[in-house]
Amino acid sequence: MIALPLLAVQSGHSGIVHPRTGPELSDIVLFVFAAMGVFLVRRALRKRFAKTKPPAED
């Protein structure tokens, strides 16, 4: 517990600022996972609330 502040200081920012030239790989991966999540939730909700007719009895 005492070492937690020390670890926070050691893993901090290096102090060098790099200009952003475009989206990072993590940004793209996050977008893809979010899109997949939206797709899966919409598909599940469509299946759950689908109005299906009962099978016809012969």
Protein backbone atom coordinates (compact mmCIF):
# COMPACT_ATOMS: atom_id res chain seq x y z
CA MET A 1 0.00 0.00 0.00
CA ILE A 2 2.87 2.35 0.73
CA ALA A 3 4.47 1.67 -2.67
CA LEU A 4 1.40 2.73 -4.69
CA PRO A 5 2.29 6.45 -4.89
CA LEU A 6 5.84 5.52 -5.88
CA LEU A 7 4.57 3.28 -8.70
CA ALA A 8 2.28 6.04 -9.93
CA VAL A 9 5.19 8.46 -10.18
CA GLN A 10 7.43 6.01 -12.01
CA SER A 11 4.82 5.10 -14.62
CA GLY A 12 3.90 8.70 -15.42
CA HIS A 13 4.31 10.66 -18.62
CA SER A 14 7.82 10.96 -20.01
CA GLY A 15 7.46 14.71 -20.60
CA ILE A 16 7.96 14.50 -24.37
CA VAL A 17 4.98 15.72 -26.37
CA HIS A 18 4.45 14.11 -29.77
CA PRO A 19 2.17 15.79 -32.32
CA ARG A 20 -0.89 13.78 -33.33
CA THR A 21 -0.79 12.86 -36.99
CA GLY A 22 -3.84 10.61 -37.08
CA PRO A 23 -5.81 8.06 -35.11
CA GLU A 24 -3.85 5.57 -33.05
CA LEU A 25 -4.32 1.83 -33.43
CA SER A 26 -6.10 1.73 -30.07
CA ASP A 27 -8.64 4.29 -31.35
CA ILE A 28 -9.42 2.13 -34.38
CA VAL A 29 -9.71 -1.06 -32.30
CA LEU A 30 -12.02 0.69 -29.82
CA PHE A 31 -14.25 1.88 -32.67
CA VAL A 32 -14.42 -1.63 -34.16
CA PHE A 33 -15.36 -3.19 -30.80
CA ALA A 34 -18.01 -0.52 -30.22
CA ALA A 35 -19.49 -1.12 -33.68
CA MET A 36 -19.54 -4.89 -33.07
CA GLY A 37 -21.24 -4.33 -29.72
CA VAL A 38 -23.93 -2.16 -31.27
CA PHE A 39 -24.48 -4.73 -34.03
CA LEU A 40 -24.80 -7.62 -31.56
CA VAL A 41 -27.17 -5.74 -29.25
CA ARG A 42 -29.40 -4.64 -32.13
CA ARG A 43 -29.51 -8.18 -33.49
CA ALA A 44 -30.40 -9.59 -30.07
CA LEU A 45 -33.14 -7.00 -29.53
CA ARG A 46 -34.59 -7.62 -33.00
CA LYS A 47 -34.71 -11.34 -32.27
CA ARG A 48 -36.25 -10.78 -28.84
CA PHE A 49 -39.02 -8.46 -29.99
CA ALA A 50 -39.76 -10.06 -33.36
CA LYS A 51 -43.44 -10.69 -33.92
CA THR A 52 -43.51 -14.28 -35.06
CA LYS A 53 -46.58 -16.21 -36.01
CA PRO A 54 -47.10 -19.57 -34.35
CA PRO A 55 -46.51 -22.53 -36.69
CA ALA A 56 -49.58 -23.51 -38.70
CA GLU A 57 -51.26 -26.69 -37.52
CA ASP A 58 -52.37 -29.13 -40.20
